[in-house]
C-alpha cells in the first residue's frame, strides 16, 4: 500500500537511503545541501514522501520561506537549479502519481504556494512554465572520447591558447580556495548586476567538500588567480554551480582550461555526466559556450501550484536592481545579497 509520509530529510536516515536507491537522485536532494540551506537562511525543511509499507519509494524536499518582503511560500528547492522528484529504481509504477497527488494535498493543507524546480506530471491544478535550459554532457572513461565532441574552432583553440599563456589549473577543497573564488565572484556579480551571495554561504560549501561532495577549480596566471568555479559532485554527476573570472584576463581563455581539466578529472574518476547547470533562455552567449563542449541543451521547466499562472517576465524591480548594482561600487552587490538573499529563494 502506498501512503504519504512527511519526514525530516536532513536527520532521518530513510531519506538518504531513498537517494541511494535512485539513479535520478542529485546533489540538490542530498541532506548536506539541505542542511546548508537551513543553516544559512533559516528555512524549515521537510520532505513530502510516499512509502510502500515501511520503505520510502518517492519524495521531494521542500523548504518553507517566511518573509515580510516576499511572503510565505514553499519551494523545492531554493537556490537549486533543479529539484526533480526522487523515485526509487524499484518503486511501484504508481509512486510518481501518488507523490504528485501528495504535493497538491500539501498545497491545500498549508494554503501556501508551492514551486517545484522541475516539470512534474500529474499534479492537480498546477501550472508548468519553461524559463530556462539545462546542458548535460555525457562523460566516458577515456577523456579523449569526450574531447571529440568539442567544437574545434571554439573550444580546442581556447584550451591551446590557455596552455600557451602558461595558465595552470588546480582542484582544491579548502576554505582558502573558496575565499579565492569569492574574490573573483564579487566583481563578476557586479558586472552581471545581480546580488552576491553572503560570504559565509559560500564558505559553508567546505562542509560539502569535506563529505566528498565537490571542490573549487582555480586557474592561475603565475601567482594570480584569474578564474574559478565551484563544482558539486554526487551519484555520478558533476554539477557546475558557480563560476567567476577576471574580465581583463578572459582573452587568455582561462575558462576553456578550467572546464577541460575538470572534464578530464571527472572522466578518470568515473563520473558519467557533467551538468553545466541552468541558463536563462535569453542568454545566448552562455548557451552557445555550453553547447560548444558537446553538451545537449534540454528545456528546463518549473511546476507552480498557485492560484494564478506565474509570470515568467523579469519584474521591473529586478531590472532596476540590476542597473543599480552595475553602476554602484562592488560592495553594493554584496550588501544587497547579505540583506535580501534569503527573501528571494
C-alpha atoms as a PDB file:
ATOM      1  CA  UNK A   1       0.000   0.000   0.000  1.00  0.00           C
ATOM      2  CA  UNK A   2       1.331   3.404  -0.988  1.00  0.00           C
ATOM      3  CA  UNK A   3       0.882   6.098   1.642  1.00  0.00           C
ATOM      4  CA  UNK A   4       2.024   9.663   2.235  1.00  0.00           C
ATOM      5  CA  UNK A   5       4.670  10.335   4.865  1.00  0.00           C
ATOM      6  CA  UNK A   6       6.353  13.654   5.755  1.00  0.00           C
ATOM      7  CA  UNK A   7       9.891  13.274   7.107  1.00  0.00           C
ATOM      8  CA  UNK A   8      12.926  15.338   8.081  1.00  0.00           C
ATOM      9  CA  UNK A   9      15.296  14.696   5.133  1.00  0.00           C
ATOM     10  CA  UNK A  10      18.287  16.135   6.976  1.00  0.00           C
ATOM     11  CA  UNK A  11      18.243  13.906  10.054  1.00  0.00           C
ATOM     12  CA  UNK A  12      16.090  10.912   9.077  1.00  0.00           C
ATOM     13  CA  UNK A  13      18.369   8.221   7.532  1.00  0.00           C
ATOM     14  CA  UNK A  14      15.419   6.930   5.488  1.00  0.00           C
ATOM     15  CA  UNK A  15      15.836   9.908   3.129  1.00  0.00           C
ATOM     16  CA  UNK A  16      19.470   9.179   2.287  1.00  0.00           C
ATOM     17  CA  UNK A  17      18.593   5.514   1.917  1.00  0.00           C
ATOM     18  CA  UNK A  18      15.972   6.513  -0.686  1.00  0.00           C
ATOM     19  CA  UNK A  19      18.553   8.620  -2.563  1.00  0.00           C
ATOM     20  CA  UNK A  20      20.923   5.681  -2.676  1.00  0.00           C
ATOM     21  CA  UNK A  21      18.221   3.585  -4.383  1.00  0.00           C
ATOM     22  CA  UNK A  22      17.503   6.198  -7.071  1.00  0.00           C
ATOM     23  CA  UNK A  23      19.624   6.755 -10.158  1.00  0.00           C
ATOM     24  CA  UNK A  24      17.863  10.107 -10.559  1.00  0.00           C
ATOM     25  CA  UNK A  25      18.957  11.496  -7.177  1.00  0.00           C
ATOM     26  CA  UNK A  26      21.048  14.662  -7.494  1.00  0.00           C
ATOM     27  CA  UNK A  27      23.225  16.815  -5.265  1.00  0.00           C
ATOM     28  CA  UNK A  28      20.343  19.202  -4.516  1.00  0.00           C
ATOM     29  CA  UNK A  29      18.471  16.326  -2.867  1.00  0.00           C
ATOM     30  CA  UNK A  30      21.356  15.498  -0.545  1.00  0.00           C
ATOM     31  CA  UNK A  31      20.936  16.049   3.231  1.00  0.00           C
ATOM     32  CA  UNK A  32      24.168  18.077   3.328  1.00  0.00           C
ATOM     33  CA  UNK A  33      22.808  20.547   0.753  1.00  0.00           C
ATOM     34  CA  UNK A  34      19.507  20.785   2.616  1.00  0.00           C
ATOM     35  CA  UNK A  35      21.373  21.441   5.873  1.00  0.00           C
ATOM     36  CA  UNK A  36      23.381  24.190   4.182  1.00  0.00           C
ATOM     37  CA  UNK A  37      20.174  25.994   3.149  1.00  0.00           C
ATOM     38  CA  UNK A  38      18.653  25.534   6.594  1.00  0.00           C
ATOM     39  CA  UNK A  39      21.710  26.700   8.489  1.00  0.00           C
ATOM     40  CA  UNK A  40      22.405  29.704   6.250  1.00  0.00           C
ATOM     41  CA  UNK A  41      18.920  31.074   5.671  1.00  0.00           C
ATOM     42  CA  UNK A  42      16.878  29.588   8.500  1.00  0.00           C
ATOM     43  CA  UNK A  43      14.468  27.744   6.209  1.00  0.00           C
ATOM     44  CA  UNK A  44      12.394  24.947   7.707  1.00  0.00           C
ATOM     45  CA  UNK A  45      12.965  21.885   5.527  1.00  0.00           C
ATOM     46  CA  UNK A  46      10.863  18.749   5.237  1.00  0.00           C
ATOM     47  CA  UNK A  47      10.284  16.116   2.578  1.00  0.00           C
ATOM     48  CA  UNK A  48       6.931  15.108   1.132  1.00  0.00           C
ATOM     49  CA  UNK A  49       7.284  11.360   0.640  1.00  0.00           C
ATOM     50  CA  UNK A  50       5.470   8.230  -0.446  1.00  0.00           C
ATOM     51  CA  UNK A  51       6.073   4.968   1.402  1.00  0.00           C
ATOM     52  CA  UNK A  52       5.385   1.410   0.318  1.00  0.00           C
ATOM     53  CA  UNK A  53       4.892  -0.267   3.660  1.00  0.00           C
ATOM     54  CA  UNK A  54       7.849   0.808   5.818  1.00  0.00           C
ATOM     55  CA  UNK A  55      10.129   1.837   2.962  1.00  0.00           C
ATOM     56  CA  UNK A  56      10.212   5.209   1.175  1.00  0.00           C
ATOM     57  CA  UNK A  57       9.806   4.900  -2.585  1.00  0.00           C
ATOM     58  CA  UNK A  58       9.419   8.549  -3.692  1.00  0.00           C
ATOM     59  CA  UNK A  59       9.795  12.047  -2.328  1.00  0.00           C
ATOM     60  CA  UNK A  60      10.879  15.627  -2.796  1.00  0.00           C
ATOM     61  CA  UNK A  61      12.472  18.053  -0.278  1.00  0.00           C
ATOM     62  CA  UNK A  62      10.632  21.316   0.379  1.00  0.00           C
ATOM     63  CA  UNK A  63      11.769  24.494   2.138  1.00  0.00           C
ATOM     64  CA  UNK A  64       9.400  26.958   3.756  1.00  0.00           C
ATOM     65  CA  UNK A  65      10.322  30.590   3.164  1.00  0.00           C
ATOM     66  CA  UNK A  66       8.773  33.067   5.580  1.00  0.00           C
ATOM     67  CA  UNK A  67       9.408  36.666   4.584  1.00  0.00           C
ATOM     68  CA  UNK A  68       7.820  40.011   5.320  1.00  0.00           C
ATOM     69  CA  UNK A  69       9.132  41.222   1.959  1.00  0.00           C
ATOM     70  CA  UNK A  70       8.115  38.413  -0.385  1.00  0.00           C
ATOM     71  CA  UNK A  71       5.536  36.485   1.637  1.00  0.00           C
ATOM     72  CA  UNK A  72       5.415  32.903   2.892  1.00  0.00           C
ATOM     73  CA  UNK A  73       5.673  30.091   0.378  1.00  0.00           C
ATOM     74  CA  UNK A  74       7.055  26.611  -0.249  1.00  0.00           C
ATOM     75  CA  UNK A  75       9.903  25.957  -2.683  1.00  0.00           C
ATOM     76  CA  UNK A  76      11.515  22.726  -3.839  1.00  0.00           C
ATOM     77  CA  UNK A  77      14.169  23.935  -3.631  1.00  0.00           C
ATOM     78  CA  UNK A  78      15.633  27.441  -3.055  1.00  0.00           C
ATOM     79  CA  UNK A  79      18.950  28.223  -4.782  1.00  0.00           C
ATOM     80  CA  UNK A  80      18.852  24.839  -6.507  1.00  0.00           C
ATOM     81  CA  UNK A  81      18.779  24.791 -10.302  1.00  0.00           C
ATOM     82  CA  UNK A  82      16.683  21.658 -10.406  1.00  0.00           C
ATOM     83  CA  UNK A  83      14.848  19.557  -7.837  1.00  0.00           C
ATOM     84  CA  UNK A  84      13.091  16.690  -9.562  1.00  0.00           C
ATOM     85  CA  UNK A  85      11.021  14.082  -7.770  1.00  0.00           C
ATOM     86  CA  UNK A  86      13.170  11.324  -6.295  1.00  0.00           C
ATOM     87  CA  UNK A  87      11.801   7.903  -7.221  1.00  0.00           C
ATOM     88  CA  UNK A  88      13.402   4.621  -6.173  1.00  0.00           C
ATOM     89  CA  UNK A  89      14.546   2.496  -9.099  1.00  0.00           C
ATOM     90  CA  UNK A  90      12.403  -0.392  -7.855  1.00  0.00           C
ATOM     91  CA  UNK A  91       9.339   1.712  -6.959  1.00  0.00           C
ATOM     92  CA  UNK A  92       5.818   0.755  -7.937  1.00  0.00           C
ATOM     93  CA  UNK A  93       4.762   2.471 -11.165  1.00  0.00           C
ATOM     94  CA  UNK A  94       2.092   4.393  -9.275  1.00  0.00           C
ATOM     95  CA  UNK A  95       4.590   6.047  -6.904  1.00  0.00           C
ATOM     96  CA  UNK A  96       5.162   9.231  -9.006  1.00  0.00           C
ATOM     97  CA  UNK A  97       1.404   9.758  -9.372  1.00  0.00           C
ATOM     98  CA  UNK A  98       0.895   9.247  -5.650  1.00  0.00           C
ATOM     99  CA  UNK A  99       3.604  11.821  -4.929  1.00  0.00           C
ATOM    100  CA  UNK A 100       2.073  14.322  -7.367  1.00  0.00           C
ATOM    101  CA  UNK A 101      -1.236  13.984  -5.539  1.00  0.00           C
ATOM    102  CA  UNK A 102       0.511  14.391  -2.174  1.00  0.00           C
ATOM    103  CA  UNK A 103       2.079  17.642  -3.379  1.00  0.00           C
ATOM    104  CA  UNK A 104      -1.333  19.012  -4.321  1.00  0.00           C
ATOM    105  CA  UNK A 105      -2.573  17.997  -0.856  1.00  0.00           C
ATOM    106  CA  UNK A 106       0.401  19.822   0.688  1.00  0.00           C
ATOM    107  CA  UNK A 107      -0.583  22.975  -1.146  1.00  0.00           C
ATOM    108  CA  UNK A 108      -4.184  22.726   0.069  1.00  0.00           C
ATOM    109  CA  UNK A 109      -3.215  21.802   3.626  1.00  0.00           C
ATOM    110  CA  UNK A 110      -0.791  24.690   4.125  1.00  0.00           C
ATOM    111  CA  UNK A 111      -2.591  27.260   1.984  1.00  0.00           C
ATOM    112  CA  UNK A 112       0.837  28.279   0.622  1.00  0.00           C
ATOM    113  CA  UNK A 113       2.018  28.486  -2.964  1.00  0.00           C
ATOM    114  CA  UNK A 114       4.411  25.707  -3.909  1.00  0.00           C
ATOM    115  CA  UNK A 115       7.078  25.972  -6.606  1.00  0.00           C
ATOM    116  CA  UNK A 116       8.930  22.858  -7.744  1.00  0.00           C
ATOM    117  CA  UNK A 117      12.144  23.344  -9.712  1.00  0.00           C
ATOM    118  CA  UNK A 118      11.281  20.626 -12.192  1.00  0.00           C
ATOM    119  CA  UNK A 119       8.476  19.632 -14.504  1.00  0.00           C
ATOM    120  CA  UNK A 120       6.150  17.324 -12.588  1.00  0.00           C
ATOM    121  CA  UNK A 121       3.428  15.475 -14.441  1.00  0.00           C
ATOM    122  CA  UNK A 122       0.028  14.792 -12.953  1.00  0.00           C
ATOM    123  CA  UNK A 123      -0.127  17.456 -10.227  1.00  0.00           C
ATOM    124  CA  UNK A 124      -3.738  18.662  -9.997  1.00  0.00           C
ATOM    125  CA  UNK A 125      -4.298  22.382 -10.618  1.00  0.00           C
ATOM    126  CA  UNK A 126      -0.633  23.093 -11.338  1.00  0.00           C
ATOM    127  CA  UNK A 127       0.967  25.333 -13.955  1.00  0.00           C
ATOM    128  CA  UNK A 128       4.149  24.410 -15.818  1.00  0.00           C
ATOM    129  CA  UNK A 129       6.360  27.109 -17.300  1.00  0.00           C
ATOM    130  CA  UNK A 130       9.684  26.981 -19.129  1.00  0.00           C
ATOM    131  CA  UNK A 131      12.041  29.820 -18.339  1.00  0.00           C
ATOM    132  CA  UNK A 132      15.421  28.100 -18.583  1.00  0.00           C
ATOM    133  CA  UNK A 133      17.524  25.458 -20.312  1.00  0.00           C
ATOM    134  CA  UNK A 134      19.914  22.898 -18.896  1.00  0.00           C
ATOM    135  CA  UNK A 135      23.050  21.468 -20.528  1.00  0.00           C
ATOM    136  CA  UNK A 136      24.229  17.893 -19.926  1.00  0.00           C
ATOM    137  CA  UNK A 137      27.476  16.418 -21.245  1.00  0.00           C
ATOM    138  CA  UNK A 138      27.883  12.606 -21.234  1.00  0.00           C
ATOM    139  CA  UNK A 139      31.308  11.558 -19.956  1.00  0.00           C
ATOM    140  CA  UNK A 140      33.396   8.484 -20.712  1.00  0.00           C
ATOM    141  CA  UNK A 141      36.262   6.591 -19.127  1.00  0.00           C
ATOM    142  CA  UNK A 142      38.605   7.965 -21.793  1.00  0.00           C
ATOM    143  CA  UNK A 143      38.678  11.804 -21.819  1.00  0.00           C
ATOM    144  CA  UNK A 144      39.717  11.728 -25.480  1.00  0.00           C
ATOM    145  CA  UNK A 145      36.302  10.295 -26.340  1.00  0.00           C
ATOM    146  CA  UNK A 146      34.612  13.321 -24.754  1.00  0.00           C
ATOM    147  CA  UNK A 147      37.044  15.736 -26.394  1.00  0.00           C
ATOM    148  CA  UNK A 148      35.894  14.560 -29.815  1.00  0.00           C
ATOM    149  CA  UNK A 149      32.530  16.211 -29.107  1.00  0.00           C
ATOM    150  CA  UNK A 150      34.110  19.661 -28.562  1.00  0.00           C
ATOM    151  CA  UNK A 151      33.672  22.400 -31.141  1.00  0.00           C
ATOM    152  CA  UNK A 152      37.150  22.502 -32.672  1.00  0.00           C
ATOM    153  CA  UNK A 153      37.076  26.200 -33.540  1.00  0.00           C
ATOM    154  CA  UNK A 154      35.706  27.475 -30.238  1.00  0.00           C
ATOM    155  CA  UNK A 155      36.870  25.117 -27.521  1.00  0.00           C
ATOM    156  CA  UNK A 156      40.068  23.374 -28.590  1.00  0.00           C
ATOM    157  CA  UNK A 157      41.744  26.567 -29.764  1.00  0.00           C
ATOM    158  CA  UNK A 158      40.860  28.210 -26.458  1.00  0.00           C
ATOM    159  CA  UNK A 159      42.409  25.341 -24.494  1.00  0.00           C
ATOM    160  CA  UNK A 160      45.617  25.530 -26.520  1.00  0.00           C
ATOM    161  CA  UNK A 161      45.795  29.302 -26.080  1.00  0.00           C
ATOM    162  CA  UNK A 162      45.442  28.990 -22.290  1.00  0.00           C
ATOM    163  CA  UNK A 163      48.244  26.422 -22.288  1.00  0.00           C
ATOM    164  CA  UNK A 164      50.491  28.684 -24.417  1.00  0.00           C
ATOM    165  CA  UNK A 165      49.833  31.516 -21.972  1.00  0.00           C
ATOM    166  CA  UNK A 166      51.220  29.312 -19.210  1.00  0.00           C
ATOM    167  CA  UNK A 167      47.988  29.158 -17.217  1.00  0.00           C
ATOM    168  CA  UNK A 168      47.754  26.434 -14.589  1.00  0.00           C
ATOM    169  CA  UNK A 169      44.578  24.853 -13.228  1.00  0.00           C
ATOM    170  CA  UNK A 170      44.236  23.283  -9.783  1.00  0.00           C
ATOM    171  CA  UNK A 171      41.484  21.478  -7.862  1.00  0.00           C
ATOM    172  CA  UNK A 172      41.082  22.415  -4.193  1.00  0.00           C
ATOM    173  CA  UNK A 173      38.661  21.785  -1.315  1.00  0.00           C
ATOM    174  CA  UNK A 174      39.912  24.154   1.403  1.00  0.00           C
ATOM    175  CA  UNK A 175      38.199  27.256   2.785  1.00  0.00           C
ATOM    176  CA  UNK A 176      41.003  29.435   1.409  1.00  0.00           C
ATOM    177  CA  UNK A 177      40.106  28.241  -2.096  1.00  0.00           C
ATOM    178  CA  UNK A 178      36.506  29.335  -1.526  1.00  0.00           C
ATOM    179  CA  UNK A 179      37.836  32.746  -0.492  1.00  0.00           C
ATOM    180  CA  UNK A 180      39.819  32.915  -3.733  1.00  0.00           C
ATOM    181  CA  UNK A 181      36.647  32.107  -5.627  1.00  0.00           C
ATOM    182  CA  UNK A 182      34.710  34.749  -3.701  1.00  0.00           C
ATOM    183  CA  UNK A 183      37.294  37.391  -4.544  1.00  0.00           C
ATOM    184  CA  UNK A 184      36.561  36.803  -8.243  1.00  0.00           C
ATOM    185  CA  UNK A 185      32.856  36.235  -7.651  1.00  0.00           C
ATOM    186  CA  UNK A 186      32.098  39.720  -6.288  1.00  0.00           C
ATOM    187  CA  UNK A 187      33.191  41.715  -9.379  1.00  0.00           C
ATOM    188  CA  UNK A 188      31.599  39.095 -11.633  1.00  0.00           C
ATOM    189  CA  UNK A 189      28.221  39.509  -9.903  1.00  0.00           C
ATOM    190  CA  UNK A 190      28.540  43.311 -10.067  1.00  0.00           C
ATOM    191  CA  UNK A 191      29.160  43.098 -13.823  1.00  0.00           C
ATOM    192  CA  UNK A 192      26.041  40.936 -14.182  1.00  0.00           C
ATOM    193  CA  UNK A 193      24.061  43.310 -11.972  1.00  0.00           C
ATOM    194  CA  UNK A 194      22.932  40.643  -9.508  1.00  0.00           C
ATOM    195  CA  UNK A 195      23.371  40.391  -5.712  1.00  0.00           C
ATOM    196  CA  UNK A 196      26.368  38.494  -4.382  1.00  0.00           C
ATOM    197  CA  UNK A 197      25.669  35.598  -2.049  1.00  0.00           C
ATOM    198  CA  UNK A 198      26.825  36.141   1.552  1.00  0.00           C
ATOM    199  CA  UNK A 199      30.445  35.096   2.002  1.00  0.00           C
ATOM    200  CA  UNK A 200      29.519  32.810   4.878  1.00  0.00           C
ATOM    201  CA  UNK A 201      27.134  30.974   2.490  1.00  0.00           C
ATOM    202  CA  UNK A 202      29.968  30.287   0.045  1.00  0.00           C
ATOM    203  CA  UNK A 203      32.256  29.257   2.902  1.00  0.00           C
ATOM    204  CA  UNK A 204      29.683  26.676   4.030  1.00  0.00           C
ATOM    205  CA  UNK A 205      30.492  24.722   0.863  1.00  0.00           C
ATOM    206  CA  UNK A 206      33.582  23.496   2.695  1.00  0.00           C
ATOM    207  CA  UNK A 207      31.292  21.151   4.639  1.00  0.00           C
ATOM    208  CA  UNK A 208      30.104  19.662   1.359  1.00  0.00           C
ATOM    209  CA  UNK A 209      33.690  19.294   0.196  1.00  0.00           C
ATOM    210  CA  UNK A 210      34.655  17.582   3.454  1.00  0.00           C
ATOM    211  CA  UNK A 211      31.986  14.968   2.664  1.00  0.00           C
ATOM    212  CA  UNK A 212      33.406  14.431  -0.841  1.00  0.00           C
ATOM    213  CA  UNK A 213      30.593  16.369  -2.500  1.00  0.00           C
ATOM    214  CA  UNK A 214      32.521  18.947  -4.505  1.00  0.00           C
ATOM    215  CA  UNK A 215      35.526  21.212  -4.985  1.00  0.00           C
ATOM    216  CA  UNK A 216      36.773  24.542  -6.322  1.00  0.00           C
ATOM    217  CA  UNK A 217      38.718  24.625  -9.594  1.00  0.00           C
ATOM    218  CA  UNK A 218      41.066  27.614  -9.871  1.00  0.00           C
ATOM    219  CA  UNK A 219      43.074  28.837 -12.861  1.00  0.00           C
ATOM    220  CA  UNK A 220      46.206  30.809 -12.029  1.00  0.00           C
ATOM    221  CA  UNK A 221      48.259  33.126 -14.207  1.00  0.00           C
ATOM    222  CA  UNK A 222      51.512  32.855 -12.309  1.00  0.00           C
ATOM    223  CA  UNK A 223      50.544  33.640  -8.724  1.00  0.00           C
ATOM    224  CA  UNK A 224      47.359  35.469  -9.702  1.00  0.00           C
ATOM    225  CA  UNK A 225      44.003  33.626  -9.798  1.00  0.00           C
ATOM    226  CA  UNK A 226      42.048  34.703 -12.883  1.00  0.00           C
ATOM    227  CA  UNK A 227      39.177  32.192 -12.965  1.00  0.00           C
ATOM    228  CA  UNK A 228      37.475  29.890 -10.501  1.00  0.00           C
ATOM    229  CA  UNK A 229      34.395  27.685 -10.339  1.00  0.00           C
ATOM    230  CA  UNK A 230      32.516  25.715  -7.712  1.00  0.00           C
ATOM    231  CA  UNK A 231      31.503  22.171  -8.673  1.00  0.00           C
ATOM    232  CA  UNK A 232      29.302  19.773  -6.710  1.00  0.00           C
ATOM    233  CA  UNK A 233      29.521  16.009  -7.080  1.00  0.00           C
ATOM    234  CA  UNK A 234      27.079  13.221  -6.302  1.00  0.00           C
ATOM    235  CA  UNK A 235      25.701   9.997  -7.746  1.00  0.00           C
ATOM    236  CA  UNK A 236      27.891  10.001 -10.852  1.00  0.00           C
ATOM    237  CA  UNK A 237      27.144  13.602 -11.831  1.00  0.00           C
ATOM    238  CA  UNK A 238      29.425  16.610 -11.502  1.00  0.00           C
ATOM    239  CA  UNK A 239      27.430  19.846 -11.345  1.00  0.00           C
ATOM    240  CA  UNK A 240      28.743  23.292 -12.255  1.00  0.00           C
ATOM    241  CA  UNK A 241      27.266  25.594  -9.615  1.00  0.00           C
ATOM    242  CA  UNK A 242      29.081  28.952  -9.762  1.00  0.00           C
ATOM    243  CA  UNK A 243      31.790  30.483 -11.930  1.00  0.00           C
ATOM    244  CA  UNK A 244      33.778  33.719 -11.811  1.00  0.00           C
ATOM    245  CA  UNK A 245      36.572  35.267 -13.861  1.00  0.00           C
ATOM    246  CA  UNK A 246      38.827  38.296 -14.060  1.00  0.00           C
ATOM    247  CA  UNK A 247      37.296  40.130 -17.016  1.00  0.00           C
ATOM    248  CA  UNK A 248      40.684  41.579 -18.011  1.00  0.00           C
ATOM    249  CA  UNK A 249      42.126  38.070 -18.395  1.00  0.00           C
ATOM    250  CA  UNK A 250      39.369  36.454 -20.458  1.00  0.00           C
ATOM    251  CA  UNK A 251      41.447  36.807 -23.619  1.00  0.00           C
ATOM    252  CA  UNK A 252      43.784  34.143 -22.233  1.00  0.00           C
ATOM    253  CA  UNK A 253      40.858  31.702 -22.238  1.00  0.00           C
ATOM    254  CA  UNK A 254      41.138  30.533 -18.599  1.00  0.00           C
ATOM    255  CA  UNK A 255      37.649  29.008 -18.585  1.00  0.00           C
ATOM    256  CA  UNK A 256      38.496  26.739 -21.501  1.00  0.00           C
ATOM    257  CA  UNK A 257      41.385  25.303 -19.499  1.00  0.00           C
ATOM    258  CA  UNK A 258      39.257  25.127 -16.345  1.00  0.00           C
ATOM    259  CA  UNK A 259      36.481  23.043 -17.889  1.00  0.00           C
ATOM    260  CA  UNK A 260      38.916  20.896 -19.881  1.00  0.00           C
ATOM    261  CA  UNK A 261      40.793  19.926 -16.721  1.00  0.00           C
ATOM    262  CA  UNK A 262      37.581  19.291 -14.784  1.00  0.00           C
ATOM    263  CA  UNK A 263      36.203  17.078 -17.557  1.00  0.00           C
ATOM    264  CA  UNK A 264      39.434  15.088 -17.706  1.00  0.00           C
ATOM    265  CA  UNK A 265      39.422  14.590 -13.931  1.00  0.00           C
ATOM    266  CA  UNK A 266      35.728  13.617 -13.894  1.00  0.00           C
ATOM    267  CA  UNK A 267      36.279  11.021 -16.621  1.00  0.00           C
ATOM    268  CA  UNK A 268      39.185   9.460 -14.769  1.00  0.00           C
ATOM    269  CA  UNK A 269      37.154   9.388 -11.533  1.00  0.00           C
ATOM    270  CA  UNK A 270      34.271   7.519 -13.168  1.00  0.00           C
ATOM    271  CA  UNK A 271      31.600  10.238 -13.391  1.00  0.00           C
ATOM    272  CA  UNK A 272      29.046   9.712 -16.147  1.00  0.00           C
ATOM    273  CA  UNK A 273      27.630  13.249 -16.603  1.00  0.00           C
ATOM    274  CA  UNK A 274      28.709  16.878 -16.386  1.00  0.00           C
ATOM    275  CA  UNK A 275      25.752  19.133 -15.638  1.00  0.00           C
ATOM    276  CA  UNK A 276      26.558  22.676 -16.797  1.00  0.00           C
ATOM    277  CA  UNK A 277      23.615  23.984 -14.789  1.00  0.00           C
ATOM    278  CA  UNK A 278      20.719  26.313 -15.503  1.00  0.00           C
ATOM    279  CA  UNK A 279      20.863  29.033 -18.150  1.00  0.00           C
ATOM    280  CA  UNK A 280      18.339  31.763 -18.919  1.00  0.00           C
ATOM    281  CA  UNK A 281      16.658  31.403 -22.300  1.00  0.00           C
ATOM    282  CA  UNK A 282      17.821  34.843 -23.442  1.00  0.00           C
ATOM    283  CA  UNK A 283      21.496  34.277 -22.558  1.00  0.00           C
ATOM    284  CA  UNK A 284      22.509  33.001 -25.983  1.00  0.00           C
ATOM    285  CA  UNK A 285      26.227  33.598 -25.421  1.00  0.00           C
ATOM    286  CA  UNK A 286      26.370  31.316 -22.375  1.00  0.00           C
ATOM    287  CA  UNK A 287      24.118  28.768 -24.053  1.00  0.00           C
ATOM    288  CA  UNK A 288      26.476  28.633 -27.044  1.00  0.00           C
ATOM    289  CA  UNK A 289      29.529  28.246 -24.782  1.00  0.00           C
ATOM    290  CA  UNK A 290      27.967  25.231 -23.088  1.00  0.00           C
ATOM    291  CA  UNK A 291      26.806  23.674 -26.347  1.00  0.00           C
ATOM    292  CA  UNK A 292      30.304  24.032 -27.796  1.00  0.00           C
ATOM    293  CA  UNK A 293      31.542  21.480 -25.249  1.00  0.00           C
ATOM    294  CA  UNK A 294      29.193  18.957 -26.840  1.00  0.00           C
ATOM    295  CA  UNK A 295      26.515  19.276 -24.170  1.00  0.00           C
ATOM    296  CA  UNK A 296      22.888  18.614 -25.054  1.00  0.00           C
ATOM    297  CA  UNK A 297      20.521  21.521 -24.423  1.00  0.00           C
ATOM    298  CA  UNK A 298      17.363  20.461 -22.576  1.00  0.00           C
ATOM    299  CA  UNK A 299      14.302  22.512 -21.736  1.00  0.00           C
ATOM    300  CA  UNK A 300      14.046  23.193 -18.006  1.00  0.00           C
ATOM    301  CA  UNK A 301      10.513  23.874 -16.821  1.00  0.00           C
ATOM    302  CA  UNK A 302       9.267  24.524 -13.302  1.00  0.00           C
ATOM    303  CA  UNK A 303       5.946  23.493 -11.762  1.00  0.00           C
ATOM    304  CA  UNK A 304       3.843  26.055  -9.900  1.00  0.00           C
ATOM    305  CA  UNK A 305       0.986  25.229  -7.547  1.00  0.00           C
ATOM    306  CA  UNK A 306      -0.542  28.686  -7.400  1.00  0.00           C
ATOM    307  CA  UNK A 307      -3.896  30.385  -7.809  1.00  0.00           C
ATOM    308  CA  UNK A 308      -2.787  32.204 -10.958  1.00  0.00           C
ATOM    309  CA  UNK A 309      -0.332  31.304 -13.736  1.00  0.00           C
ATOM    310  CA  UNK A 310       3.078  32.764 -12.861  1.00  0.00           C
ATOM    311  CA  UNK A 311       4.627  35.484 -14.991  1.00  0.00           C
ATOM    312  CA  UNK A 312       7.984  34.458 -16.430  1.00  0.00           C
ATOM    313  CA  UNK A 313       8.893  38.033 -17.337  1.00  0.00           C
ATOM    314  CA  UNK A 314      11.653  39.745 -15.343  1.00  0.00           C
ATOM    315  CA  UNK A 315       9.934  42.042 -12.803  1.00  0.00           C
ATOM    316  CA  UNK A 316      10.572  45.769 -13.053  1.00  0.00           C
ATOM    317  CA  UNK A 317      12.141  45.781  -9.569  1.00  0.00           C
ATOM    318  CA  UNK A 318      14.721  43.253 -10.747  1.00  0.00           C
ATOM    319  CA  UNK A 319      15.640  45.387 -13.759  1.00  0.00           C
ATOM    320  CA  UNK A 320      16.032  48.424 -11.514  1.00  0.00           C
ATOM    321  CA  UNK A 321      18.194  46.445  -9.082  1.00  0.00           C
ATOM    322  CA  UNK A 322      20.390  45.196 -11.936  1.00  0.00           C
ATOM    323  CA  UNK A 323      21.038  48.723 -13.202  1.00  0.00           C
ATOM    324  CA  UNK A 324      21.725  49.994  -9.679  1.00  0.00           C
ATOM    325  CA  UNK A 325      24.257  47.252  -8.884  1.00  0.00           C
ATOM    326  CA  UNK A 326      26.084  47.671 -12.185  1.00  0.00           C
ATOM    327  CA  UNK A 327      26.518  51.410 -11.580  1.00  0.00           C
ATOM    328  CA  UNK A 328      27.468  51.157  -7.906  1.00  0.00           C
ATOM    329  CA  UNK A 329      30.659  50.164  -6.044  1.00  0.00           C
ATOM    330  CA  UNK A 330      31.269  46.411  -5.731  1.00  0.00           C
ATOM    331  CA  UNK A 331      30.223  46.449  -2.082  1.00  0.00           C
ATOM    332  CA  UNK A 332      26.642  47.298  -3.018  1.00  0.00           C
ATOM    333  CA  UNK A 333      26.099  43.892  -4.639  1.00  0.00           C
ATOM    334  CA  UNK A 334      27.428  42.195  -1.517  1.00  0.00           C
ATOM    335  CA  UNK A 335      25.318  44.349   0.807  1.00  0.00           C
ATOM    336  CA  UNK A 336      22.153  43.629  -1.193  1.00  0.00           C
ATOM    337  CA  UNK A 337      22.935  39.923  -1.063  1.00  0.00           C
ATOM    338  CA  UNK A 338      23.595  39.939   2.681  1.00  0.00           C
ATOM    339  CA  UNK A 339      20.332  41.776   3.308  1.00  0.00           C
ATOM    340  CA  UNK A 340      17.894  40.293   0.830  1.00  0.00           C
ATOM    341  CA  UNK A 341      19.070  36.901  -0.435  1.00  0.00           C
ATOM    342  CA  UNK A 342      17.059  34.763   1.985  1.00  0.00           C
ATOM    343  CA  UNK A 343      13.833  36.532   0.957  1.00  0.00           C
ATOM    344  CA  UNK A 344      14.154  35.541  -2.723  1.00  0.00           C
ATOM    345  CA  UNK A 345      14.948  31.834  -2.515  1.00  0.00           C
END
